[in-house]
C-alpha cells in the first residue's frame, strides 16, 4: 500500500509541474494573440465589438473553443472541419474527393469567414464564426492536420519521446513547443518579428493546406520508422513549428483585416 501511495504522490507531483501546453491550447492561444497584435485599428474595433459579448475575451482566450466543444452533441458535426486528408497520397486538393459535402478545414474556413464578414448576421453568430476562424487558421498551418497518408494525420504513427509513448501528431501538437521551455509572454516576444516579416500572399485556403501538406515530405517530418524519435528531432523541427505559428498569425490578421476592417487603412508601421 505504501508503494502505491508513493507512486501516486510521484505522479501528482509530475502533473502539478508539467505545463499543459499544446498546439490545441498554448499554440492556438499564441496564434490568436500574435494576430491580435497585427490587425489594423479598424479591425480591432470590430473585434472588440464582437468580443464584448464575452467579458474579458480576446483572440487568445477564444482560440481553443472549437476544440473544447467538438464533442458536444450540437457541435459533433464540426469534427471533420479541423483537418483535410489528401486521399490520393499527393498534396493536390480535389474538393470533390477530399472535402465531400464541405466536410474539411478548407471549406469550413471559407464558410465561417463569410459568416464573420456578413454584418447583417446576428453578432452572436458572427462571434461564433470568429472563434472557428481563429482556431482553423491555426489548424491548417499544422502539417499533421493536412495529411496525405493513411494514418489519421500521424495519430497512428507511434513514437516515443524520452520514455513516453505517444504519436507523431501529438509530437507536433504538444512536444515541439513545450520542449522550448518558454512561457506565453516569452514565446509571443520571440515570434512577433516573424509575424511582421511573414509573406502572407493570397487568402487561398486550399493553397494554405497544400503548402502545409508538402512539408510532410519536403521537411522530412516523418521519421523513417515508428519508435523512438531520432536524436535531435525536437530541436531540428521546432523552428519549423514556430514558423508555422507565425505564418498562421500573419495570415489570420490579414484575413480579419479583409473581413472586418470597414475602410482601407495603413498599418501602424507604415504611418
Protein backbone atom coordinates (compact mmCIF):
# COMPACT_ATOMS: atom_id res chain seq x y z
CA UNK A 1 0.00 0.00 0.00
CA UNK A 2 2.85 2.38 0.88
CA UNK A 3 4.36 1.72 -2.57
CA UNK A 4 1.08 2.52 -4.31
CA UNK A 5 0.75 5.74 -2.32
CA UNK A 6 4.32 6.71 -3.19
CA UNK A 7 3.73 6.16 -6.90
CA UNK A 8 0.51 8.19 -6.72
CA UNK A 9 2.32 11.00 -4.97
CA UNK A 10 5.08 10.99 -7.57
CA UNK A 11 2.54 11.17 -10.39
CA UNK A 12 0.71 14.02 -8.64
CA UNK A 13 3.96 15.93 -8.38
CA UNK A 14 4.73 15.37 -12.03
CA UNK A 15 1.27 16.51 -13.12
CA UNK A 16 1.49 19.60 -10.97
CA UNK A 17 4.75 20.74 -12.55
CA UNK A 18 4.09 19.72 -16.17
CA UNK A 19 2.60 22.62 -18.19
CA UNK A 20 -0.44 21.69 -20.29
CA UNK A 21 0.88 23.25 -23.49
CA UNK A 22 -0.32 22.08 -26.86
CA UNK A 23 -0.94 23.48 -30.33
CA UNK A 24 -4.57 22.96 -29.49
CA UNK A 25 -4.27 25.18 -26.42
CA UNK A 26 -0.98 27.00 -25.90
CA UNK A 27 -0.17 27.16 -29.61
CA UNK A 28 -3.67 28.25 -30.63
CA UNK A 29 -3.63 30.96 -28.00
CA UNK A 30 -0.26 32.08 -29.31
CA UNK A 31 -1.61 32.32 -32.87
CA UNK A 32 -4.57 34.37 -31.68
CA UNK A 33 -2.54 36.80 -29.60
CA UNK A 34 0.09 37.31 -32.29
CA UNK A 35 -2.63 38.01 -34.85
CA UNK A 36 -4.37 40.38 -32.46
CA UNK A 37 -1.13 42.37 -32.21
CA UNK A 38 -1.07 42.73 -36.02
CA UNK A 39 -4.60 43.70 -37.04
CA UNK A 40 -5.39 47.22 -38.18
CA UNK A 41 -7.10 49.65 -35.77
CA UNK A 42 -10.44 49.45 -37.59
CA UNK A 43 -10.33 45.68 -37.42
CA UNK A 44 -9.51 45.76 -33.73
CA UNK A 45 -12.54 47.98 -33.10
CA UNK A 46 -14.84 45.49 -34.88
CA UNK A 47 -13.24 42.62 -32.97
CA UNK A 48 -13.77 44.41 -29.67
CA UNK A 49 -17.45 44.83 -30.50
CA UNK A 50 -17.87 41.10 -31.06
CA UNK A 51 -15.68 40.04 -28.15
CA UNK A 52 -17.66 42.31 -25.82
CA UNK A 53 -20.31 39.58 -25.86
CA UNK A 54 -17.92 37.57 -23.68
CA UNK A 55 -16.39 39.62 -20.85
CA UNK A 56 -12.57 39.73 -20.85
CA UNK A 57 -12.32 37.72 -24.08
CA UNK A 58 -9.58 38.23 -26.64
CA UNK A 59 -8.33 36.28 -29.66
CA UNK A 60 -6.13 34.20 -27.39
CA UNK A 61 -8.86 33.17 -24.96
CA UNK A 62 -11.27 32.08 -27.72
CA UNK A 63 -8.67 30.28 -29.82
CA UNK A 64 -9.23 26.80 -28.36
CA UNK A 65 -13.02 26.98 -28.13
CA UNK A 66 -13.51 24.90 -31.30
CA UNK A 67 -11.62 22.01 -29.68
CA UNK A 68 -13.42 22.38 -26.37
CA UNK A 69 -16.91 21.99 -27.87
CA UNK A 70 -16.30 19.47 -30.65
CA UNK A 71 -17.58 16.53 -28.59
CA UNK A 72 -20.79 18.27 -27.57
CA UNK A 73 -23.86 16.92 -29.42
CA UNK A 74 -24.61 20.26 -31.07
CA UNK A 75 -21.08 20.51 -32.47
CA UNK A 76 -20.07 16.94 -33.29
CA UNK A 77 -20.62 17.73 -36.97
CA UNK A 78 -17.65 20.12 -36.78
CA UNK A 79 -15.08 17.39 -36.07
CA UNK A 80 -14.06 16.97 -39.75
CA UNK A 81 -13.64 20.74 -40.05
CA UNK A 82 -10.31 20.60 -38.20
CA UNK A 83 -8.36 18.86 -40.97
CA UNK A 84 -8.20 17.75 -44.58
CA UNK A 85 -6.93 14.43 -45.91
CA UNK A 86 -5.41 14.37 -49.40
CA UNK A 87 -6.72 10.97 -50.33
CA UNK A 88 -4.52 10.20 -53.33
CA UNK A 89 -1.28 10.48 -51.39
CA UNK A 90 -0.33 13.75 -53.04
CA UNK A 91 -0.80 17.29 -51.73
CA UNK A 92 -3.06 18.39 -54.59
CA UNK A 93 -6.50 19.40 -53.36
CA UNK A 94 -9.57 18.00 -55.09
CA UNK A 95 -12.70 19.30 -53.38
CA UNK A 96 -14.98 16.51 -54.57
CA UNK A 97 -12.55 13.85 -53.39
CA UNK A 98 -11.00 15.45 -50.28
CA UNK A 99 -13.86 17.62 -48.98
CA UNK A 100 -17.13 15.90 -49.81
CA UNK A 101 -20.16 17.88 -48.59
CA UNK A 102 -17.81 20.61 -47.38
CA UNK A 103 -16.52 18.45 -44.53
CA UNK A 104 -12.92 19.66 -44.29
CA UNK A 105 -10.96 22.59 -42.93
CA UNK A 106 -10.71 24.35 -46.31
CA UNK A 107 -14.47 24.61 -46.78
CA UNK A 108 -15.01 25.38 -43.09
CA UNK A 109 -12.62 28.33 -43.19
CA UNK A 110 -14.35 29.69 -46.28
CA UNK A 111 -17.79 29.32 -44.71
CA UNK A 112 -17.02 30.85 -41.34
CA UNK A 113 -15.01 33.68 -42.90
CA UNK A 114 -18.09 34.57 -44.95
CA UNK A 115 -20.30 34.49 -41.86
CA UNK A 116 -17.84 36.63 -39.90
CA UNK A 117 -17.74 39.29 -42.60
CA UNK A 118 -21.54 39.48 -43.02
CA UNK A 119 -22.63 42.48 -40.94
CA UNK A 120 -26.31 41.57 -41.43
CA UNK A 121 -25.97 38.44 -39.30
CA UNK A 122 -26.53 38.49 -35.53
CA UNK A 123 -23.45 39.43 -33.50
CA UNK A 124 -23.61 36.15 -31.58
CA UNK A 125 -23.44 34.17 -34.83
CA UNK A 126 -20.50 36.24 -36.05
CA UNK A 127 -18.67 35.76 -32.73
CA UNK A 128 -19.04 32.00 -33.08
CA UNK A 129 -17.71 32.26 -36.64
CA UNK A 130 -14.76 34.29 -35.34
CA UNK A 131 -13.93 31.53 -32.88
CA UNK A 132 -13.89 28.98 -35.68
CA UNK A 133 -11.83 31.20 -37.99
CA UNK A 134 -9.18 31.81 -35.32
CA UNK A 135 -8.93 28.13 -34.48
CA UNK A 136 -8.97 26.75 -38.01
CA UNK A 137 -6.36 29.29 -39.12
CA UNK A 138 -4.07 27.65 -36.60
CA UNK A 139 -5.01 24.09 -37.50
CA UNK A 140 -4.48 24.49 -41.24
CA UNK A 141 -0.86 25.51 -40.63
CA UNK A 142 -0.13 22.43 -38.53
CA UNK A 143 1.13 19.92 -41.13
CA UNK A 144 -0.42 16.91 -39.39
CA UNK A 145 -3.87 18.46 -39.97
CA UNK A 146 -3.26 18.27 -43.73
CA UNK A 147 -2.30 14.62 -44.12
CA UNK A 148 -1.56 12.58 -47.22
CA UNK A 149 -1.09 9.21 -45.52
CA UNK A 150 -3.48 6.61 -44.17
CA UNK A 151 -2.57 7.21 -40.52
CA UNK A 152 -5.14 9.76 -39.34
CA UNK A 153 -2.73 12.68 -39.56
CA UNK A 154 0.08 10.91 -37.73
CA UNK A 155 -2.16 9.69 -34.91
CA UNK A 156 -1.40 6.09 -35.86
CA UNK A 157 2.34 6.68 -36.30
CA UNK A 158 3.58 5.59 -32.88
CA UNK A 159 6.74 7.14 -31.46
CA UNK A 160 8.47 7.57 -28.13
CA UNK A 161 9.66 10.88 -26.74
CA UNK A 162 12.16 10.18 -23.99
CA UNK A 163 10.41 7.23 -22.31
CA UNK A 164 6.86 8.35 -23.12
CA UNK A 165 4.77 6.52 -25.69
CA UNK A 166 2.91 8.91 -27.99
CA UNK A 167 2.31 9.53 -31.69
CA UNK A 168 3.64 11.89 -34.33
CA UNK A 169 0.52 14.07 -34.32
CA UNK A 170 0.91 14.65 -30.58
CA UNK A 171 4.58 15.49 -31.09
CA UNK A 172 3.52 18.33 -33.38
CA UNK A 173 0.55 19.32 -31.23
CA UNK A 174 2.42 19.28 -27.94
CA UNK A 175 6.05 18.33 -27.63
CA UNK A 176 7.72 20.69 -30.10
CA UNK A 177 6.53 23.90 -28.46
CA UNK A 178 6.63 22.54 -24.92
CA UNK A 179 10.23 21.43 -25.30
CA UNK A 180 11.34 25.06 -25.78
CA UNK A 181 10.51 25.71 -22.13
CA UNK A 182 9.08 29.17 -22.84
CA UNK A 183 6.04 30.79 -21.28
CA UNK A 184 3.42 32.65 -23.33
CA UNK A 185 4.94 36.10 -22.89
CA UNK A 186 8.36 34.82 -23.91
CA UNK A 187 7.09 32.96 -26.97
CA UNK A 188 4.98 35.92 -28.02
CA UNK A 189 8.03 38.20 -28.00
CA UNK A 190 10.15 35.58 -29.72
CA UNK A 191 7.80 35.05 -32.66
CA UNK A 192 6.46 38.60 -33.14
CA UNK A 193 9.26 39.57 -35.58
CA UNK A 194 8.45 36.54 -37.73
CA UNK A 195 4.80 37.58 -37.91
CA UNK A 196 5.70 41.07 -39.08
CA UNK A 197 8.03 39.70 -41.77
CA UNK A 198 5.74 36.89 -42.96
CA UNK A 199 4.77 36.68 -46.63
CA UNK A 200 1.01 36.22 -46.33
CA UNK A 201 0.21 36.13 -50.09
CA UNK A 202 -3.37 35.46 -51.19
CA UNK A 203 -6.20 34.33 -48.94
CA UNK A 204 -6.33 30.93 -50.65
CA UNK A 205 -7.27 28.27 -48.11
CA UNK A 206 -6.63 25.36 -50.46
CA UNK A 207 -3.13 26.70 -51.14
CA UNK A 208 -2.55 27.05 -47.40
CA UNK A 209 -3.45 23.40 -46.87
CA UNK A 210 -1.41 22.20 -49.84
CA UNK A 211 1.70 24.00 -48.60
CA UNK A 212 1.26 22.53 -45.11
CA UNK A 213 0.88 19.07 -46.59
CA UNK A 214 4.01 19.48 -48.72
CA UNK A 215 6.07 19.92 -45.56
CA UNK A 216 5.35 16.34 -44.53
CA UNK A 217 7.78 15.14 -47.18
CA UNK A 218 9.85 18.21 -48.04
CA UNK A 219 10.82 18.89 -44.42
CA UNK A 220 11.14 15.18 -43.52
CA UNK A 221 8.56 15.37 -40.74
CA UNK A 222 8.10 11.61 -40.68
CA UNK A 223 10.90 9.54 -39.16
CA UNK A 224 11.96 6.56 -41.28
CA UNK A 225 10.11 4.19 -38.97
CA UNK A 226 7.93 4.25 -35.84
CA UNK A 227 9.63 4.01 -32.48
CA UNK A 228 11.91 6.33 -30.59
CA UNK A 229 12.20 9.73 -32.24
CA UNK A 230 15.58 10.31 -33.88
CA UNK A 231 18.04 12.21 -31.74
CA UNK A 232 17.61 15.95 -32.09
CA UNK A 233 14.20 15.69 -33.78
CA UNK A 234 12.54 18.18 -31.43
CA UNK A 235 15.33 20.74 -31.76
CA UNK A 236 15.50 20.29 -35.53
CA UNK A 237 11.77 20.59 -36.17
CA UNK A 238 10.87 23.21 -33.55
CA UNK A 239 11.90 26.18 -35.76
CA UNK A 240 9.52 24.94 -38.43
CA UNK A 241 6.68 24.62 -35.92
CA UNK A 242 7.39 28.16 -34.73
CA UNK A 243 7.46 29.43 -38.32
CA UNK A 244 4.07 27.82 -38.94
CA UNK A 245 2.66 29.51 -35.84
CA UNK A 246 3.97 32.88 -37.01
CA UNK A 247 2.64 32.42 -40.54
CA UNK A 248 -0.75 31.35 -39.21
CA UNK A 249 -0.88 34.52 -37.12
CA UNK A 250 0.12 36.75 -40.03
CA UNK A 251 -2.46 35.21 -42.35
CA UNK A 252 -5.15 35.30 -39.67
CA UNK A 253 -4.50 39.01 -39.11
CA UNK A 254 -4.74 39.67 -42.85
CA UNK A 255 -7.91 37.59 -43.07
CA UNK A 256 -9.52 39.53 -40.23
CA UNK A 257 -8.49 42.84 -41.79
CA UNK A 258 -10.08 41.79 -45.06
CA UNK A 259 -13.28 40.61 -43.38
CA UNK A 260 -13.78 43.26 -40.73
CA UNK A 261 -11.89 46.47 -41.44
CA UNK A 262 -14.52 48.92 -42.76
CA UNK A 263 -12.20 51.07 -44.90
CA UNK A 264 -8.68 50.74 -46.34
CA UNK A 265 -6.09 51.56 -43.72
CA UNK A 266 -2.35 51.69 -43.41
CA UNK A 267 -0.61 49.59 -40.84
CA UNK A 268 0.88 51.29 -37.76
CA UNK A 269 4.38 50.57 -39.09
CA UNK A 270 3.65 52.41 -42.33
CA UNK A 271 2.30 55.58 -40.73
